[in-house]
N, C-alpha and C. Protein backbone atom coordinates (compact mmCIF):
# COMPACT_ATOMS: atom_id res chain seq x y z
N UNK A 1 0.83 -1.19 0.00
CA UNK A 1 0.00 0.00 0.00
C UNK A 1 0.87 1.25 0.00
N UNK A 2 1.87 1.29 0.89
CA UNK A 2 2.74 2.45 0.96
C UNK A 2 3.52 2.63 -0.33
N UNK A 3 3.92 1.49 -0.92
CA UNK A 3 4.68 1.55 -2.17
C UNK A 3 3.81 2.13 -3.29
N UNK A 4 2.54 1.75 -3.33
CA UNK A 4 1.62 2.28 -4.35
C UNK A 4 1.43 3.77 -4.19
N UNK A 5 1.28 4.23 -2.96
CA UNK A 5 1.11 5.66 -2.72
C UNK A 5 2.37 6.44 -3.10
N UNK A 6 3.52 5.87 -2.83
CA UNK A 6 4.78 6.51 -3.19
C UNK A 6 4.91 6.62 -4.71
N UNK A 7 4.56 5.55 -5.40
CA UNK A 7 4.63 5.57 -6.87
C UNK A 7 3.66 6.60 -7.43
N UNK A 8 2.46 6.68 -6.88
CA UNK A 8 1.48 7.67 -7.32
C UNK A 8 1.98 9.08 -7.08
N UNK A 9 2.56 9.33 -5.91
CA UNK A 9 3.08 10.67 -5.59
C UNK A 9 4.21 11.06 -6.53
N UNK A 10 5.11 10.13 -6.81
CA UNK A 10 6.22 10.42 -7.72
C UNK A 10 5.69 10.67 -9.13
N UNK A 11 4.72 9.89 -9.56
CA UNK A 11 4.14 10.07 -10.90
C UNK A 11 3.49 11.44 -11.01
N UNK A 12 2.79 11.87 -9.96
CA UNK A 12 2.15 13.19 -9.98
C UNK A 12 3.20 14.30 -10.06
N UNK A 13 4.25 14.14 -9.29
CA UNK A 13 5.30 15.17 -9.31
C UNK A 13 6.01 15.23 -10.65
N UNK A 14 6.25 14.09 -11.26
CA UNK A 14 6.95 14.08 -12.54
C UNK A 14 6.07 14.55 -13.69
N UNK A 15 4.76 14.33 -13.59
CA UNK A 15 3.87 14.71 -14.68
C UNK A 15 3.42 16.16 -14.59
N UNK A 16 3.55 16.77 -13.45
CA UNK A 16 3.12 18.16 -13.26
C UNK A 16 4.08 19.11 -13.95
N UNK A 17 3.64 20.32 -14.12
CA UNK A 17 4.45 21.34 -14.76
C UNK A 17 5.45 21.96 -13.77
N UNK A 18 5.72 21.27 -12.70
CA UNK A 18 6.62 21.72 -11.65
C UNK A 18 6.16 23.04 -11.01
N UNK A 19 4.85 23.26 -11.05
CA UNK A 19 4.24 24.38 -10.33
C UNK A 19 3.01 23.84 -9.62
N UNK A 20 2.56 24.52 -8.63
CA UNK A 20 1.35 24.09 -7.93
C UNK A 20 0.15 24.15 -8.87
N UNK A 21 0.12 25.15 -9.75
CA UNK A 21 -0.99 25.26 -10.70
C UNK A 21 -0.99 24.07 -11.65
N UNK A 22 0.17 23.70 -12.15
CA UNK A 22 0.28 22.57 -13.07
C UNK A 22 -0.13 21.27 -12.40
N UNK A 23 0.30 21.09 -11.15
CA UNK A 23 -0.07 19.88 -10.43
C UNK A 23 -1.57 19.86 -10.16
N UNK A 24 -2.13 21.02 -9.85
CA UNK A 24 -3.58 21.10 -9.64
C UNK A 24 -4.35 20.72 -10.89
N UNK A 25 -3.87 21.18 -12.03
CA UNK A 25 -4.51 20.84 -13.29
C UNK A 25 -4.42 19.33 -13.56
N UNK A 26 -3.26 18.74 -13.28
CA UNK A 26 -3.09 17.30 -13.48
C UNK A 26 -4.02 16.52 -12.57
N UNK A 27 -4.14 16.94 -11.31
CA UNK A 27 -5.03 16.26 -10.37
C UNK A 27 -6.49 16.40 -10.81
N UNK A 28 -6.85 17.57 -11.31
CA UNK A 28 -8.21 17.81 -11.78
C UNK A 28 -8.51 16.90 -12.98
N UNK A 29 -7.56 16.78 -13.90
CA UNK A 29 -7.75 15.91 -15.06
C UNK A 29 -7.89 14.45 -14.62
N UNK A 30 -7.08 14.04 -13.64
CA UNK A 30 -7.17 12.67 -13.13
C UNK A 30 -8.51 12.40 -12.47
N UNK A 31 -8.98 13.36 -11.69
CA UNK A 31 -10.28 13.21 -11.02
C UNK A 31 -11.39 13.14 -12.05
N UNK A 32 -11.28 13.92 -13.11
CA UNK A 32 -12.29 13.88 -14.18
C UNK A 32 -12.32 12.51 -14.84
N UNK A 33 -11.15 11.94 -15.10
CA UNK A 33 -11.07 10.62 -15.72
C UNK A 33 -11.66 9.55 -14.81
N UNK A 34 -11.38 9.63 -13.51
CA UNK A 34 -11.94 8.67 -12.56
C UNK A 34 -13.46 8.81 -12.51
N UNK A 35 -13.94 10.03 -12.46
CA UNK A 35 -15.38 10.28 -12.44
C UNK A 35 -16.07 9.73 -13.67
N UNK A 36 -15.44 9.89 -14.82
CA UNK A 36 -16.00 9.38 -16.07
C UNK A 36 -16.06 7.85 -16.03
N UNK A 37 -15.01 7.23 -15.51
CA UNK A 37 -14.99 5.77 -15.39
C UNK A 37 -16.07 5.26 -14.45
N UNK A 38 -16.27 5.95 -13.34
CA UNK A 38 -17.32 5.56 -12.39
C UNK A 38 -18.69 5.71 -13.02
N UNK A 39 -18.88 6.77 -13.79
CA UNK A 39 -20.16 6.98 -14.46
C UNK A 39 -20.42 5.86 -15.47
N UNK A 40 -19.42 5.50 -16.25
CA UNK A 40 -19.59 4.42 -17.23
C UNK A 40 -19.88 3.09 -16.53
N UNK A 41 -19.22 2.83 -15.41
CA UNK A 41 -19.46 1.60 -14.66
C UNK A 41 -20.90 1.59 -14.14
N UNK A 42 -21.36 2.72 -13.64
CA UNK A 42 -22.74 2.82 -13.15
C UNK A 42 -23.74 2.57 -14.25
N UNK A 43 -23.47 3.11 -15.44
CA UNK A 43 -24.36 2.88 -16.57
C UNK A 43 -24.40 1.41 -16.95
N UNK A 44 -23.23 0.77 -16.93
CA UNK A 44 -23.16 -0.65 -17.28
C UNK A 44 -23.94 -1.49 -16.27
N UNK A 45 -23.80 -1.16 -15.01
CA UNK A 45 -24.54 -1.90 -13.97
C UNK A 45 -26.03 -1.69 -14.13
N UNK A 46 -26.43 -0.45 -14.44
CA UNK A 46 -27.84 -0.15 -14.63
C UNK A 46 -28.40 -0.93 -15.82
N UNK A 47 -27.63 -1.03 -16.91
CA UNK A 47 -28.09 -1.77 -18.09
C UNK A 47 -28.25 -3.25 -17.79
N UNK A 48 -27.38 -3.80 -16.98
CA UNK A 48 -27.47 -5.22 -16.61
C UNK A 48 -28.69 -5.45 -15.71
N UNK A 49 -28.98 -4.49 -14.85
CA UNK A 49 -30.09 -4.63 -13.89
C UNK A 49 -31.45 -4.60 -14.58
N UNK A 50 -31.50 -3.98 -15.75
CA UNK A 50 -32.81 -3.90 -16.43
C UNK A 50 -33.00 -5.08 -17.25
């Protein structure tokens, strides 16, 4: 678990524009992608339930 968090933190730091604004944008984009995935999963579950 700790290793996964460390890898995630390093990936965020390396992918950011080396500014707080750039890192904020990267985190926002990541959250948007996760939200989209959750929405698609919910739709798939709903389709199976009907």
